[in-house]
Amino acid sequence: MRSFTKSSTRHRRGATRRHAAPADRWLNRLLDIAVITALVVGGVALIISLVVG
């Protein structure tokens, strides 16, 4: 029967992490801000519509 313990000689498999370019980081930050703003505005609009209507 084969042992399934991790061996220090075994290499990790899977996707490799790559460092994002500075422009990618700014675009990701801008997208995060846009999504959070849209969620806040939508939530406020929903609350106002429930209170008024």
PDB file of N, CA and C in Angstrom:
ATOM      1  N   MET A   1       0.842  -1.173   0.000  1.00  0.00           N
ATOM      2  CA  MET A   1       0.000   0.000   0.000  1.00  0.00           C
ATOM      3  C   MET A   1       0.894   1.246   0.000  1.00  0.00           C
ATOM      4  N   ARG A   2       0.485   2.255  -0.724  1.00  0.00           N
ATOM      5  CA  ARG A   2       1.282   3.460  -0.879  1.00  0.00           C
ATOM      6  C   ARG A   2       0.984   4.467   0.224  1.00  0.00           C
ATOM      7  N   SER A   3       1.993   5.114   0.722  1.00  0.00           N
ATOM      8  CA  SER A   3       1.820   6.121   1.760  1.00  0.00           C
ATOM      9  C   SER A   3       1.517   7.470   1.107  1.00  0.00           C
ATOM     10  N   PHE A   4       0.596   8.215   1.711  1.00  0.00           N
ATOM     11  CA  PHE A   4       0.200   9.502   1.147  1.00  0.00           C
ATOM     12  C   PHE A   4       0.761  10.676   1.938  1.00  0.00           C
ATOM     13  N   THR A   5       1.841  10.450   2.667  1.00  0.00           N
ATOM     14  CA  THR A   5       2.441  11.556   3.410  1.00  0.00           C
ATOM     15  C   THR A   5       3.224  12.449   2.462  1.00  0.00           C
ATOM     16  N   LYS A   6       3.345  13.716   2.852  1.00  0.00           N
ATOM     17  CA  LYS A   6       4.078  14.659   2.017  1.00  0.00           C
ATOM     18  C   LYS A   6       5.567  14.388   2.125  1.00  0.00           C
ATOM     19  N   SER A   7       6.216  14.425   1.021  1.00  0.00           N
ATOM     20  CA  SER A   7       7.650  14.238   0.993  1.00  0.00           C
ATOM     21  C   SER A   7       8.309  15.564   0.655  1.00  0.00           C
ATOM     22  N   SER A   8       9.440  15.839   1.271  1.00  0.00           N
ATOM     23  CA  SER A   8      10.112  17.102   0.998  1.00  0.00           C
ATOM     24  C   SER A   8      10.701  17.138  -0.403  1.00  0.00           C
ATOM     25  N   THR A   9      10.871  15.978  -1.009  1.00  0.00           N
ATOM     26  CA  THR A   9      11.432  15.954  -2.357  1.00  0.00           C
ATOM     27  C   THR A   9      10.364  16.125  -3.424  1.00  0.00           C
ATOM     28  N   ARG A  10       9.110  15.990  -3.041  1.00  0.00           N
ATOM     29  CA  ARG A  10       8.015  16.120  -4.013  1.00  0.00           C
ATOM     30  C   ARG A  10       7.746  17.591  -4.287  1.00  0.00           C
ATOM     31  N   HIS A  11       7.606  17.957  -5.545  1.00  0.00           N
ATOM     32  CA  HIS A  11       7.346  19.340  -5.926  1.00  0.00           C
ATOM     33  C   HIS A  11       5.853  19.603  -5.896  1.00  0.00           C
ATOM     34  N   ARG A  12       5.504  20.846  -5.583  1.00  0.00           N
ATOM     35  CA  ARG A  12       4.098  21.236  -5.582  1.00  0.00           C
ATOM     36  C   ARG A  12       3.591  21.311  -7.003  1.00  0.00           C
ATOM     37  N   ARG A  13       2.350  20.973  -7.175  1.00  0.00           N
ATOM     38  CA  ARG A  13       1.727  21.050  -8.498  1.00  0.00           C
ATOM     39  C   ARG A  13       0.608  22.065  -8.457  1.00  0.00           C
ATOM     40  N   GLY A  14       0.193  22.513  -9.641  1.00  0.00           N
ATOM     41  CA  GLY A  14      -0.917  23.452  -9.718  1.00  0.00           C
ATOM     42  C   GLY A  14      -0.479  24.756 -10.351  1.00  0.00           C
ATOM     43  N   ALA A  15      -1.382  25.703 -10.301  1.00  0.00           N
ATOM     44  CA  ALA A  15      -1.127  26.996 -10.939  1.00  0.00           C
ATOM     45  C   ALA A  15      -0.022  27.734 -10.191  1.00  0.00           C
ATOM     46  N   THR A  16       0.828  28.361 -10.936  1.00  0.00           N
ATOM     47  CA  THR A  16       1.893  29.143 -10.315  1.00  0.00           C
ATOM     48  C   THR A  16       1.411  30.573 -10.134  1.00  0.00           C
ATOM     49  N   ARG A  17       1.822  31.169  -9.034  1.00  0.00           N
ATOM     50  CA  ARG A  17       1.448  32.561  -8.779  1.00  0.00           C
ATOM     51  C   ARG A  17       2.382  33.467  -9.554  1.00  0.00           C
ATOM     52  N   ARG A  18       1.814  34.464 -10.187  1.00  0.00           N
ATOM     53  CA  ARG A  18       2.643  35.444 -10.864  1.00  0.00           C
ATOM     54  C   ARG A  18       2.331  36.807 -10.271  1.00  0.00           C
ATOM     55  N   HIS A  19       3.305  37.665 -10.276  1.00  0.00           N
ATOM     56  CA  HIS A  19       3.109  39.000  -9.722  1.00  0.00           C
ATOM     57  C   HIS A  19       2.425  39.871 -10.770  1.00  0.00           C
ATOM     58  N   ALA A  20       1.400  40.593 -10.322  1.00  0.00           N
ATOM     59  CA  ALA A  20       0.662  41.454 -11.237  1.00  0.00           C
ATOM     60  C   ALA A  20       1.481  42.702 -11.554  1.00  0.00           C
ATOM     61  N   ALA A  21       1.313  43.187 -12.751  1.00  0.00           N
ATOM     62  CA  ALA A  21       1.971  44.425 -13.148  1.00  0.00           C
ATOM     63  C   ALA A  21       1.337  45.588 -12.386  1.00  0.00           C
ATOM     64  N   PRO A  22       2.054  46.683 -12.210  1.00  0.00           N
ATOM     65  CA  PRO A  22       1.483  47.834 -11.478  1.00  0.00           C
ATOM     66  C   PRO A  22       0.164  48.329 -12.080  1.00  0.00           C
ATOM     67  N   ALA A  23       0.050  48.304 -13.410  1.00  0.00           N
ATOM     68  CA  ALA A  23      -1.202  48.748 -14.042  1.00  0.00           C
ATOM     69  C   ALA A  23      -2.342  47.808 -13.676  1.00  0.00           C
ATOM     70  N   ASP A  24      -2.063  46.510 -13.584  1.00  0.00           N
ATOM     71  CA  ASP A  24      -3.102  45.550 -13.204  1.00  0.00           C
ATOM     72  C   ASP A  24      -3.579  45.791 -11.782  1.00  0.00           C
ATOM     73  N   ARG A  25      -2.648  46.131 -10.894  1.00  0.00           N
ATOM     74  CA  ARG A  25      -3.035  46.398  -9.506  1.00  0.00           C
ATOM     75  C   ARG A  25      -3.935  47.620  -9.418  1.00  0.00           C
ATOM     76  N   TRP A  26      -3.622  48.670 -10.181  1.00  0.00           N
ATOM     77  CA  TRP A  26      -4.462  49.874 -10.168  1.00  0.00           C
ATOM     78  C   TRP A  26      -5.831  49.589 -10.760  1.00  0.00           C
ATOM     79  N   LEU A  27      -5.874  48.803 -11.825  1.00  0.00           N
ATOM     80  CA  LEU A  27      -7.172  48.468 -12.422  1.00  0.00           C
ATOM     81  C   LEU A  27      -8.003  47.620 -11.466  1.00  0.00           C
ATOM     82  N   ASN A  28      -7.369  46.707 -10.777  1.00  0.00           N
ATOM     83  CA  ASN A  28      -8.089  45.891  -9.800  1.00  0.00           C
ATOM     84  C   ASN A  28      -8.621  46.750  -8.666  1.00  0.00           C
ATOM     85  N   ARG A  29      -7.811  47.696  -8.198  1.00  0.00           N
ATOM     86  CA  ARG A  29      -8.246  48.598  -7.131  1.00  0.00           C
ATOM     87  C   ARG A  29      -9.417  49.461  -7.603  1.00  0.00           C
ATOM     88  N   LEU A  30      -9.328  49.975  -8.838  1.00  0.00           N
ATOM     89  CA  LEU A  30     -10.403  50.788  -9.399  1.00  0.00           C
ATOM     90  C   LEU A  30     -11.688  49.976  -9.542  1.00  0.00           C
ATOM     91  N   LEU A  31     -11.557  48.740  -9.960  1.00  0.00           N
ATOM     92  CA  LEU A  31     -12.730  47.865 -10.081  1.00  0.00           C
ATOM     93  C   LEU A  31     -13.336  47.577  -8.717  1.00  0.00           C
ATOM     94  N   ASP A  32     -12.509  47.347  -7.711  1.00  0.00           N
ATOM     95  CA  ASP A  32     -13.018  47.136  -6.355  1.00  0.00           C
ATOM     96  C   ASP A  32     -13.809  48.338  -5.874  1.00  0.00           C
ATOM     97  N   ILE A  33     -13.261  49.531  -6.097  1.00  0.00           N
ATOM     98  CA  ILE A  33     -13.948  50.752  -5.665  1.00  0.00           C
ATOM     99  C   ILE A  33     -15.275  50.922  -6.403  1.00  0.00           C
ATOM    100  N   ALA A  34     -15.283  50.618  -7.708  1.00  0.00           N
ATOM    101  CA  ALA A  34     -16.511  50.757  -8.493  1.00  0.00           C
ATOM    102  C   ALA A  34     -17.582  49.769  -8.020  1.00  0.00           C
ATOM    103  N   VAL A  35     -17.184  48.557  -7.724  1.00  0.00           N
ATOM    104  CA  VAL A  35     -18.159  47.545  -7.281  1.00  0.00           C
ATOM    105  C   VAL A  35     -18.702  47.896  -5.902  1.00  0.00           C
ATOM    106  N   ILE A  36     -17.828  48.323  -4.992  1.00  0.00           N
ATOM    107  CA  ILE A  36     -18.290  48.702  -3.653  1.00  0.00           C
ATOM    108  C   ILE A  36     -19.215  49.903  -3.718  1.00  0.00           C
ATOM    109  N   THR A  37     -18.878  50.878  -4.563  1.00  0.00           N
ATOM    110  CA  THR A  37     -19.743  52.050  -4.721  1.00  0.00           C
ATOM    111  C   THR A  37     -21.108  51.654  -5.271  1.00  0.00           C
ATOM    112  N   ALA A  38     -21.116  50.774  -6.258  1.00  0.00           N
ATOM    113  CA  ALA A  38     -22.390  50.323  -6.838  1.00  0.00           C
ATOM    114  C   ALA A  38     -23.231  49.578  -5.804  1.00  0.00           C
ATOM    115  N   LEU A  39     -22.586  48.761  -4.970  1.00  0.00           N
ATOM    116  CA  LEU A  39     -23.335  48.040  -3.929  1.00  0.00           C
ATOM    117  C   LEU A  39     -23.904  48.996  -2.885  1.00  0.00           C
ATOM    118  N   VAL A  40     -23.132  49.993  -2.498  1.00  0.00           N
ATOM    119  CA  VAL A  40     -23.610  50.966  -1.511  1.00  0.00           C
ATOM    120  C   VAL A  40     -24.763  51.779  -2.084  1.00  0.00           C
ATOM    121  N   VAL A  41     -24.620  52.270  -3.314  1.00  0.00           N
ATOM    122  CA  VAL A  41     -25.681  53.058  -3.941  1.00  0.00           C
ATOM    123  C   VAL A  41     -26.937  52.211  -4.129  1.00  0.00           C
ATOM    124  N   GLY A  42     -26.783  50.984  -4.551  1.00  0.00           N
ATOM    125  CA  GLY A  42     -27.936  50.099  -4.713  1.00  0.00           C
ATOM    126  C   GLY A  42     -28.617  49.807  -3.391  1.00  0.00           C
ATOM    127  N   GLY A  43     -27.808  49.582  -2.342  1.00  0.00           N
ATOM    128  CA  GLY A  43     -28.390  49.325  -1.022  1.00  0.00           C
ATOM    129  C   GLY A  43     -29.149  50.526  -0.485  1.00  0.00           C
ATOM    130  N   VAL A  44     -28.582  51.711  -0.656  1.00  0.00           N
ATOM    131  CA  VAL A  44     -29.262  52.938  -0.205  1.00  0.00           C
ATOM    132  C   VAL A  44     -30.547  53.144  -1.000  1.00  0.00           C
ATOM    133  N   ALA A  45     -30.500  52.916  -2.312  1.00  0.00           N
ATOM    134  CA  ALA A  45     -31.703  53.067  -3.135  1.00  0.00           C
ATOM    135  C   ALA A  45     -32.783  52.072  -2.709  1.00  0.00           C
ATOM    136  N   LEU A  46     -32.376  50.849  -2.371  1.00  0.00           N
ATOM    137  CA  LEU A  46     -33.349  49.848  -1.920  1.00  0.00           C
ATOM    138  C   LEU A  46     -33.981  50.249  -0.589  1.00  0.00           C
ATOM    139  N   ILE A  47     -33.176  50.727   0.320  1.00  0.00           N
ATOM    140  CA  ILE A  47     -33.706  51.165   1.615  1.00  0.00           C
ATOM    141  C   ILE A  47     -34.645  52.346   1.452  1.00  0.00           C
ATOM    142  N   ILE A  48     -34.259  53.321   0.623  1.00  0.00           N
ATOM    143  CA  ILE A  48     -35.130  54.481   0.394  1.00  0.00           C
ATOM    144  C   ILE A  48     -36.438  54.062  -0.257  1.00  0.00           C
ATOM    145  N   SER A  49     -36.379  53.137  -1.206  1.00  0.00           N
ATOM    146  CA  SER A  49     -37.612  52.706  -1.872  1.00  0.00           C
ATOM    147  C   SER A  49     -38.526  51.937  -0.913  1.00  0.00           C
ATOM    148  N   LEU A  50     -37.959  51.228   0.036  1.00  0.00           N
ATOM    149  CA  LEU A  50     -38.782  50.508   1.006  1.00  0.00           C
ATOM    150  C   LEU A  50     -39.396  51.464   2.030  1.00  0.00           C
ATOM    151  N   VAL A  51     -38.674  52.479   2.405  1.00  0.00           N
ATOM    152  CA  VAL A  51     -39.169  53.436   3.387  1.00  0.00           C
ATOM    153  C   VAL A  51     -40.224  54.341   2.779  1.00  0.00           C
ATOM    154  N   VAL A  52     -39.971  54.848   1.575  1.00  0.00           N
ATOM    155  CA  VAL A  52     -40.891  55.777   0.931  1.00  0.00           C
ATOM    156  C   VAL A  52     -42.104  55.049   0.373  1.00  0.00           C
ATOM    157  N   GLY A  53     -41.879  53.929  -0.264  1.00  0.00           N
ATOM    158  CA  GLY A  53     -42.952  53.240  -0.953  1.00  0.00           C
ATOM    159  C   GLY A  53     -43.694  52.361  -0.044  1.00  0.00           C
TER     160      GLY A  53
END
